[in-house]
Amino acid sequence: MAAAPAPAVPAVPAAPGAPALPAAPGPGAAAPLPRRGALPSAPQRTELLDDVGGWGPADTPAGAFRLVPVRLERDLRLVAGWMNDPVVAAFWGLAGPAGTTADHLRPQLDGDGRSVPCLGVLSGTPMSYWEVYRADLDPLSRHYPALPHDTGIHLLIGGSADRGRGLGTVLLRAVADLVLDNRPRCRRVVAEPDLRNTASVAAFLGAGFRPAAEVELPGKRAALMVRDRELRHRM
């Protein structure tokens, strides 16, 4: 997306109401994350996205979920391992040595805070990668009628054991709700999954997003998906 990093150990989320499961050790696993209250945030400006790292957890049917801003020294091997999964690489295009993933992360980490890369941590285990970004300040805004404070999301589910069972839908709804709860100026959460990625499009639909348009973006034709604040409790 040199030799590829060792694959990440798939995370196994706890059943609803069960105690958090520890992350399984392995050559591709990240260092264990501290408990809530001790989680370090990546050093970046927070005002453009209202401090994603401070949003706190969301309760979901799969367990407590939270977004933790990426720290390169702690998380690179884990995220690069996910990027080298063929299912992920087909749409993210970041397979290869860890430096390929680092080159993708650094501009976000060193930027002005308009895009924040995060680990998705479910019941204490990092199991997904997310980017929360200001869609109205992104090149995407040239392809649709953006509104001020439109907030976009990208995601991948890291382990194959967590795919194909509806977890993406559950987490997409949770993250969209986190955005709307913590960004009062944001009226819409948007996404632009590749039209070929039918599983991703279906997950967005299940999470209450509506298809707004098809847009031609660099490298893909995408479905513009929108979750409106006004409709969040009806879809």
Protein backbone atom coordinates (compact mmCIF):
# COMPACT_ATOMS: atom_id res chain seq x y z
CA MET A 1 0.00 0.00 0.00
CA ALA A 2 10.97 -3.96 1.62
CA ALA A 3 8.97 -6.61 3.18
CA ALA A 4 5.42 -6.04 4.29
CA PRO A 5 4.80 -5.55 8.00
CA ALA A 6 3.56 -8.56 9.92
CA PRO A 7 -0.23 -8.69 9.81
CA ALA A 8 -2.11 -7.28 12.74
CA VAL A 9 -3.74 -9.68 15.15
CA PRO A 10 -7.52 -9.44 14.57
CA ALA A 11 -9.40 -7.89 17.41
CA VAL A 12 -12.31 -9.77 18.96
CA PRO A 13 -14.90 -7.40 20.43
CA ALA A 14 -16.60 -8.32 23.64
CA ALA A 15 -20.25 -9.29 23.62
CA PRO A 16 -22.61 -6.53 24.77
CA GLY A 17 -22.30 -6.08 28.50
CA ALA A 18 -19.23 -8.31 28.77
CA PRO A 19 -15.96 -7.06 30.29
CA ALA A 20 -13.38 -5.61 27.93
CA LEU A 21 -11.09 -8.16 26.32
CA PRO A 22 -7.34 -7.40 26.32
CA ALA A 23 -5.66 -6.96 22.97
CA ALA A 24 -4.02 -10.19 21.84
CA PRO A 25 -0.22 -9.82 21.63
CA GLY A 26 1.51 -10.37 18.35
CA PRO A 27 4.26 -9.04 16.12
CA GLY A 28 1.90 -6.61 14.39
CA ALA A 29 0.03 -5.44 17.46
CA ALA A 30 0.32 -1.94 18.83
CA ALA A 31 1.29 -1.27 22.40
CA PRO A 32 -1.70 -1.55 24.74
CA LEU A 33 -3.66 1.66 25.07
CA PRO A 34 -4.01 3.26 28.49
CA ARG A 35 -7.42 3.30 30.07
CA ARG A 36 -9.85 6.17 29.62
CA GLY A 37 -8.57 9.35 31.17
CA ALA A 38 -4.94 8.50 30.41
CA LEU A 39 -5.15 8.29 26.62
CA PRO A 40 -2.60 10.61 25.01
CA SER A 41 -3.70 12.71 22.06
CA ALA A 42 -1.65 13.32 18.96
CA PRO A 43 0.04 16.74 19.08
CA GLN A 44 -2.12 18.80 16.74
CA ARG A 45 -4.50 21.74 16.72
CA THR A 46 -7.99 20.89 17.81
CA GLU A 47 -10.26 23.77 16.90
CA LEU A 48 -11.19 22.79 13.32
CA LEU A 49 -12.80 19.54 14.45
CA ASP A 50 -13.70 20.41 18.04
CA ASP A 51 -11.09 18.16 19.65
CA VAL A 52 -11.85 14.68 18.31
CA GLY A 53 -9.58 13.14 20.93
CA GLY A 54 -11.73 14.54 23.72
CA TRP A 55 -15.08 13.28 22.46
CA GLY A 56 -15.25 10.34 24.84
CA PRO A 57 -16.82 6.91 24.28
CA ALA A 58 -20.03 5.86 22.57
CA ASP A 59 -22.13 2.97 23.81
CA THR A 60 -22.89 0.52 20.98
CA PRO A 61 -24.50 -2.94 20.83
CA ALA A 62 -20.98 -4.31 20.34
CA GLY A 63 -19.47 -2.55 23.37
CA ALA A 64 -17.96 0.81 24.29
CA PHE A 65 -16.30 2.49 21.31
CA ARG A 66 -14.08 5.53 21.09
CA LEU A 67 -11.84 7.34 18.64
CA VAL A 68 -8.23 7.73 19.73
CA PRO A 69 -6.01 10.03 17.61
CA VAL A 70 -3.13 8.15 16.03
CA ARG A 71 0.38 8.49 17.38
CA LEU A 72 2.90 7.50 14.73
CA GLU A 73 5.45 5.94 17.08
CA ARG A 74 2.81 3.85 18.82
CA ASP A 75 0.42 2.92 16.01
CA LEU A 76 2.31 2.80 12.70
CA ARG A 77 2.98 -0.95 12.64
CA LEU A 78 -0.64 -1.75 13.44
CA VAL A 79 -2.13 0.58 10.83
CA ALA A 80 0.43 -0.46 8.19
CA GLY A 81 -0.43 -4.10 8.85
CA TRP A 82 -4.09 -3.35 8.17
CA MET A 83 -3.19 -1.47 4.99
CA ASN A 84 -1.44 -4.60 3.70
CA ASP A 85 -4.57 -6.72 3.99
CA PRO A 86 -5.61 -7.34 0.36
CA VAL A 87 -9.25 -6.44 1.10
CA VAL A 88 -8.17 -3.07 2.53
CA ALA A 89 -5.44 -2.45 -0.04
CA ALA A 90 -7.91 -2.82 -2.92
CA PHE A 91 -9.58 0.45 -1.91
CA TRP A 92 -6.99 2.34 0.15
CA GLY A 93 -4.02 1.72 -2.15
CA LEU A 94 -1.46 1.90 0.68
CA ALA A 95 -0.02 -1.62 0.65
CA GLY A 96 3.75 -1.78 1.00
CA PRO A 97 6.35 -0.91 3.64
CA ALA A 98 5.41 0.95 6.79
CA GLY A 99 6.85 4.11 5.26
CA THR A 100 4.00 4.15 2.74
CA THR A 101 1.47 4.37 5.55
CA ALA A 102 3.63 6.89 7.43
CA ASP A 103 3.68 9.13 4.35
CA HIS A 104 -0.13 9.04 4.37
CA LEU A 105 -0.40 9.82 8.09
CA ARG A 106 2.24 12.53 8.50
CA PRO A 107 0.52 15.32 6.53
CA GLN A 108 -2.55 14.87 8.72
CA LEU A 109 -0.57 14.71 11.96
CA ASP A 110 1.58 17.72 11.02
CA GLY A 111 -1.25 19.72 9.47
CA ASP A 112 -3.70 22.27 10.82
CA GLY A 113 -6.14 19.73 12.25
CA ARG A 114 -8.58 19.64 9.35
CA SER A 115 -8.13 15.83 9.17
CA VAL A 116 -7.56 13.67 12.24
CA PRO A 117 -6.47 10.02 11.82
CA CYS A 118 -7.76 7.81 14.64
CA LEU A 119 -7.78 4.28 15.91
CA GLY A 120 -11.24 2.90 16.56
CA VAL A 121 -11.06 1.20 19.95
CA LEU A 122 -13.84 -1.26 20.77
CA SER A 123 -14.06 -2.61 24.33
CA GLY A 124 -10.42 -1.62 24.87
CA THR A 125 -9.06 -3.18 21.65
CA PRO A 126 -7.87 -1.16 18.61
CA MET A 127 -9.72 -2.76 15.69
CA SER A 128 -10.32 -0.10 13.02
CA TYR A 129 -8.83 3.01 11.46
CA TRP A 130 -10.78 6.24 10.90
CA GLU A 131 -10.18 9.66 9.41
CA VAL A 132 -12.46 12.46 10.57
CA TYR A 133 -12.04 15.48 8.34
CA ARG A 134 -13.52 18.85 7.43
CA ALA A 135 -15.20 18.03 4.13
CA ASP A 136 -15.89 21.70 3.46
CA LEU A 137 -12.12 22.39 3.60
CA ASP A 138 -11.18 19.28 1.61
CA PRO A 139 -10.81 18.88 -2.18
CA LEU A 140 -14.04 16.86 -1.96
CA SER A 141 -15.88 20.19 -1.58
CA ARG A 142 -15.17 20.91 -5.26
CA HIS A 143 -17.35 17.96 -6.22
CA TYR A 144 -20.55 18.69 -4.29
CA PRO A 145 -22.36 21.72 -2.78
CA ALA A 146 -20.59 21.70 0.59
CA LEU A 147 -21.99 23.43 3.65
CA PRO A 148 -19.84 25.09 6.34
CA HIS A 149 -18.60 22.52 8.88
CA ASP A 150 -19.58 19.47 6.79
CA THR A 151 -17.63 16.64 8.41
CA GLY A 152 -16.38 13.64 6.46
CA ILE A 153 -15.34 10.17 7.56
CA HIS A 154 -13.16 7.43 6.08
CA LEU A 155 -12.79 4.04 7.73
CA LEU A 156 -11.45 0.54 7.50
CA ILE A 157 -12.08 -2.48 9.69
CA GLY A 158 -8.71 -3.96 10.57
CA GLY A 159 -9.27 -7.66 11.14
CA SER A 160 -11.10 -10.09 8.88
CA ALA A 161 -12.90 -11.56 11.90
CA ASP A 162 -14.64 -8.20 12.40
CA ARG A 163 -15.91 -7.93 8.84
CA GLY A 164 -19.08 -9.22 7.24
CA ARG A 165 -21.22 -9.30 10.38
CA GLY A 166 -22.68 -5.82 10.55
CA LEU A 167 -20.07 -4.25 12.80
CA GLY A 168 -19.21 -1.57 10.25
CA THR A 169 -22.82 -0.38 10.25
CA VAL A 170 -22.91 -0.24 14.05
CA LEU A 171 -19.68 1.76 14.25
CA LEU A 172 -20.56 4.11 11.40
CA ARG A 173 -23.76 5.08 13.18
CA ALA A 174 -21.83 5.55 16.42
CA VAL A 175 -19.18 7.76 14.80
CA ALA A 176 -21.76 9.84 12.94
CA ASP A 177 -23.57 10.37 16.23
CA LEU A 178 -20.29 11.36 17.91
CA VAL A 179 -19.71 13.96 15.20
CA LEU A 180 -23.21 15.41 15.52
CA ASP A 181 -23.14 15.36 19.33
CA ASN A 182 -19.74 17.05 19.58
CA ARG A 183 -19.82 19.40 16.58
CA PRO A 184 -22.96 21.52 17.04
CA ARG A 185 -22.13 23.64 13.96
CA CYS A 186 -22.04 20.55 11.74
CA ARG A 187 -25.34 19.90 9.93
CA ARG A 188 -24.21 16.89 7.91
CA VAL A 189 -21.80 13.98 8.08
CA VAL A 190 -20.61 12.93 4.63
CA ALA A 191 -18.63 10.08 3.10
CA GLU A 192 -17.52 9.04 -0.38
CA PRO A 193 -17.03 5.26 -0.55
CA ASP A 194 -15.93 3.73 -3.84
CA LEU A 195 -18.98 2.56 -5.78
CA ARG A 196 -17.25 -0.78 -6.32
CA ASN A 197 -17.07 -1.29 -2.56
CA THR A 198 -20.63 -2.53 -2.24
CA ALA A 199 -20.13 -3.75 1.33
CA SER A 200 -19.06 -0.26 2.42
CA VAL A 201 -21.95 1.44 0.62
CA ALA A 202 -24.37 -0.99 2.27
CA ALA A 203 -22.88 -0.27 5.70
CA PHE A 204 -23.42 3.47 5.23
CA LEU A 205 -27.01 2.90 4.15
CA GLY A 206 -27.61 0.73 7.22
CA ALA A 207 -26.14 3.45 9.43
CA GLY A 208 -28.68 6.05 8.33
CA PHE A 209 -26.78 7.71 5.49
CA ARG A 210 -28.63 8.55 2.29
CA PRO A 211 -27.14 8.43 -1.20
CA ALA A 212 -26.94 12.01 -2.46
CA ALA A 213 -25.01 11.71 -5.72
CA GLU A 214 -22.34 9.90 -7.66
CA VAL A 215 -19.10 11.88 -7.92
CA GLU A 216 -15.98 11.41 -10.01
CA LEU A 217 -12.97 11.72 -7.70
CA PRO A 218 -9.27 11.15 -8.39
CA GLY A 219 -8.86 7.39 -8.64
CA LYS A 220 -12.48 6.38 -8.13
CA ARG A 221 -16.13 6.96 -8.83
CA ALA A 222 -17.75 7.40 -5.45
CA ALA A 223 -21.16 7.37 -3.85
CA LEU A 224 -21.66 10.60 -1.92
CA MET A 225 -23.37 9.49 1.29
CA VAL A 226 -24.94 12.00 3.69
CA ARG A 227 -26.31 11.73 7.22
CA ASP A 228 -28.36 14.82 8.06
CA ARG A 229 -28.68 16.16 11.59
CA GLU A 230 -32.39 16.78 11.03
CA LEU A 231 -32.98 13.14 10.04
CA ARG A 232 -30.65 11.40 12.48
CA HIS A 233 -33.43 10.01 14.67
CA ARG A 234 -35.57 8.92 11.72
CA MET A 235 -32.98 6.97 9.71
